[in-house]
């Protein structure tokens, strides 16, 4: 786009704005055009996108569960190893 953006005022006179405000509007228009809501998606695109989201969600939950189980087992093992040690009164 050009440096100059033309705005029509209510009086019918053209106003030329240069600089930061024009750049802001240009970037905003580019963002809005590239955003997903501005284009229609086919059924296959929607289905694959939904499946990808579900897959990512399930893998995240599994990873969290595995991590939790690992730390729980590690804590139990640590207690078993140090069961017969003298008690420590540290925090």
C-alpha atoms as a PDB file:
ATOM      1  CA  UNK A   1       0.000   0.000   0.000  1.00  0.00           C
ATOM      2  CA  UNK A   2       1.084   3.570  -0.387  1.00  0.00           C
ATOM      3  CA  UNK A   3       2.257   6.020   2.236  1.00  0.00           C
ATOM      4  CA  UNK A   4      -0.869   8.089   1.826  1.00  0.00           C
ATOM      5  CA  UNK A   5      -4.246   6.862   2.953  1.00  0.00           C
ATOM      6  CA  UNK A   6      -7.276   8.814   1.836  1.00  0.00           C
ATOM      7  CA  UNK A   7     -10.158   9.283   4.248  1.00  0.00           C
ATOM      8  CA  UNK A   8     -13.412  10.851   3.195  1.00  0.00           C
ATOM      9  CA  UNK A   9     -14.792  13.124   5.843  1.00  0.00           C
ATOM     10  CA  UNK A  10     -18.473  13.839   6.295  1.00  0.00           C
ATOM     11  CA  UNK A  11     -18.004  17.193   4.551  1.00  0.00           C
ATOM     12  CA  UNK A  12     -16.756  15.509   1.371  1.00  0.00           C
ATOM     13  CA  UNK A  13     -13.210  16.871   1.671  1.00  0.00           C
ATOM     14  CA  UNK A  14     -10.338  14.379   1.297  1.00  0.00           C
ATOM     15  CA  UNK A  15      -7.926  14.201   4.222  1.00  0.00           C
ATOM     16  CA  UNK A  16      -4.434  12.831   3.669  1.00  0.00           C
ATOM     17  CA  UNK A  17      -2.748  11.251   6.660  1.00  0.00           C
ATOM     18  CA  UNK A  18       0.890  10.257   6.675  1.00  0.00           C
ATOM     19  CA  UNK A  19       2.953   8.477   9.246  1.00  0.00           C
ATOM     20  CA  UNK A  20       2.168   6.301  12.210  1.00  0.00           C
ATOM     21  CA  UNK A  21      -1.629   6.317  12.038  1.00  0.00           C
ATOM     22  CA  UNK A  22      -1.598   5.281   8.396  1.00  0.00           C
ATOM     23  CA  UNK A  23       0.881   2.495   9.110  1.00  0.00           C
ATOM     24  CA  UNK A  24      -1.309   1.335  11.972  1.00  0.00           C
ATOM     25  CA  UNK A  25      -4.370   1.137   9.733  1.00  0.00           C
ATOM     26  CA  UNK A  26      -2.423  -0.644   7.021  1.00  0.00           C
ATOM     27  CA  UNK A  27      -1.115  -3.265   9.445  1.00  0.00           C
ATOM     28  CA  UNK A  28      -4.554  -3.715  10.957  1.00  0.00           C
ATOM     29  CA  UNK A  29      -6.130  -4.245   7.539  1.00  0.00           C
ATOM     30  CA  UNK A  30      -3.447  -6.802   6.648  1.00  0.00           C
ATOM     31  CA  UNK A  31      -4.084  -8.631   9.912  1.00  0.00           C
ATOM     32  CA  UNK A  32      -7.835  -8.683   9.435  1.00  0.00           C
ATOM     33  CA  UNK A  33      -7.515  -9.974   5.881  1.00  0.00           C
ATOM     34  CA  UNK A  34      -5.201 -12.784   6.937  1.00  0.00           C
ATOM     35  CA  UNK A  35      -7.285 -13.811   9.929  1.00  0.00           C
ATOM     36  CA  UNK A  36      -9.137 -17.136   9.777  1.00  0.00           C
ATOM     37  CA  UNK A  37     -12.669 -15.804  10.187  1.00  0.00           C
ATOM     38  CA  UNK A  38     -12.447 -13.944   6.913  1.00  0.00           C
ATOM     39  CA  UNK A  39     -12.477 -17.053   4.712  1.00  0.00           C
ATOM     40  CA  UNK A  40     -14.795 -20.011   4.419  1.00  0.00           C
ATOM     41  CA  UNK A  41     -13.444 -23.446   5.252  1.00  0.00           C
ATOM     42  CA  UNK A  42     -14.438 -26.668   3.584  1.00  0.00           C
ATOM     43  CA  UNK A  43     -15.727 -29.606   5.601  1.00  0.00           C
ATOM     44  CA  UNK A  44     -12.427 -31.489   5.260  1.00  0.00           C
ATOM     45  CA  UNK A  45     -10.457 -28.489   6.533  1.00  0.00           C
ATOM     46  CA  UNK A  46     -12.773 -28.162   9.530  1.00  0.00           C
ATOM     47  CA  UNK A  47     -12.580 -31.893  10.271  1.00  0.00           C
ATOM     48  CA  UNK A  48      -8.789 -32.084  10.064  1.00  0.00           C
ATOM     49  CA  UNK A  49      -8.413 -28.967  12.185  1.00  0.00           C
ATOM     50  CA  UNK A  50     -10.780 -30.359  14.807  1.00  0.00           C
ATOM     51  CA  UNK A  51      -9.018 -33.745  14.809  1.00  0.00           C
ATOM     52  CA  UNK A  52      -5.662 -32.012  15.222  1.00  0.00           C
ATOM     53  CA  UNK A  53      -6.983 -30.038  18.210  1.00  0.00           C
ATOM     54  CA  UNK A  54      -8.397 -33.171  19.855  1.00  0.00           C
ATOM     55  CA  UNK A  55      -5.156 -35.068  19.265  1.00  0.00           C
ATOM     56  CA  UNK A  56      -3.093 -32.278  20.800  1.00  0.00           C
ATOM     57  CA  UNK A  57      -5.442 -32.119  23.803  1.00  0.00           C
ATOM     58  CA  UNK A  58      -5.275 -35.887  24.395  1.00  0.00           C
ATOM     59  CA  UNK A  59      -1.477 -35.982  24.093  1.00  0.00           C
ATOM     60  CA  UNK A  60      -1.168 -33.104  26.555  1.00  0.00           C
ATOM     61  CA  UNK A  61      -3.369 -34.914  29.080  1.00  0.00           C
ATOM     62  CA  UNK A  62      -1.402 -38.157  28.654  1.00  0.00           C
ATOM     63  CA  UNK A  63       1.908 -36.357  29.039  1.00  0.00           C
ATOM     64  CA  UNK A  64       0.683 -34.679  32.226  1.00  0.00           C
ATOM     65  CA  UNK A  65      -0.564 -37.994  33.633  1.00  0.00           C
ATOM     66  CA  UNK A  66       2.750 -39.727  32.873  1.00  0.00           C
ATOM     67  CA  UNK A  67       4.697 -36.906  34.487  1.00  0.00           C
ATOM     68  CA  UNK A  68       2.506 -37.007  37.605  1.00  0.00           C
ATOM     69  CA  UNK A  69       2.875 -40.792  37.908  1.00  0.00           C
ATOM     70  CA  UNK A  70       6.647 -40.540  37.467  1.00  0.00           C
ATOM     71  CA  UNK A  71       7.086 -38.001  40.258  1.00  0.00           C
ATOM     72  CA  UNK A  72       4.714 -39.912  42.547  1.00  0.00           C
ATOM     73  CA  UNK A  73       6.692 -43.161  42.047  1.00  0.00           C
ATOM     74  CA  UNK A  74       9.979 -41.333  42.514  1.00  0.00           C
ATOM     75  CA  UNK A  75       8.786 -39.889  45.817  1.00  0.00           C
ATOM     76  CA  UNK A  76       7.648 -43.329  47.050  1.00  0.00           C
ATOM     77  CA  UNK A  77      10.964 -44.889  46.029  1.00  0.00           C
ATOM     78  CA  UNK A  78      12.889 -42.157  47.810  1.00  0.00           C
ATOM     79  CA  UNK A  79      10.888 -42.800  50.999  1.00  0.00           C
ATOM     80  CA  UNK A  80      11.585 -46.541  50.779  1.00  0.00           C
ATOM     81  CA  UNK A  81      15.313 -45.947  50.390  1.00  0.00           C
ATOM     82  CA  UNK A  82      15.463 -43.640  53.383  1.00  0.00           C
ATOM     83  CA  UNK A  83      12.997 -45.494  55.582  1.00  0.00           C
ATOM     84  CA  UNK A  84      15.616 -46.696  58.066  1.00  0.00           C
ATOM     85  CA  UNK A  85      17.703 -43.554  58.201  1.00  0.00           C
ATOM     86  CA  UNK A  86      17.684 -41.423  61.274  1.00  0.00           C
ATOM     87  CA  UNK A  87      14.864 -38.936  61.253  1.00  0.00           C
ATOM     88  CA  UNK A  88      15.839 -35.465  60.315  1.00  0.00           C
ATOM     89  CA  UNK A  89      14.011 -32.569  61.841  1.00  0.00           C
ATOM     90  CA  UNK A  90      14.686 -30.222  58.973  1.00  0.00           C
ATOM     91  CA  UNK A  91      11.929 -28.767  56.945  1.00  0.00           C
END
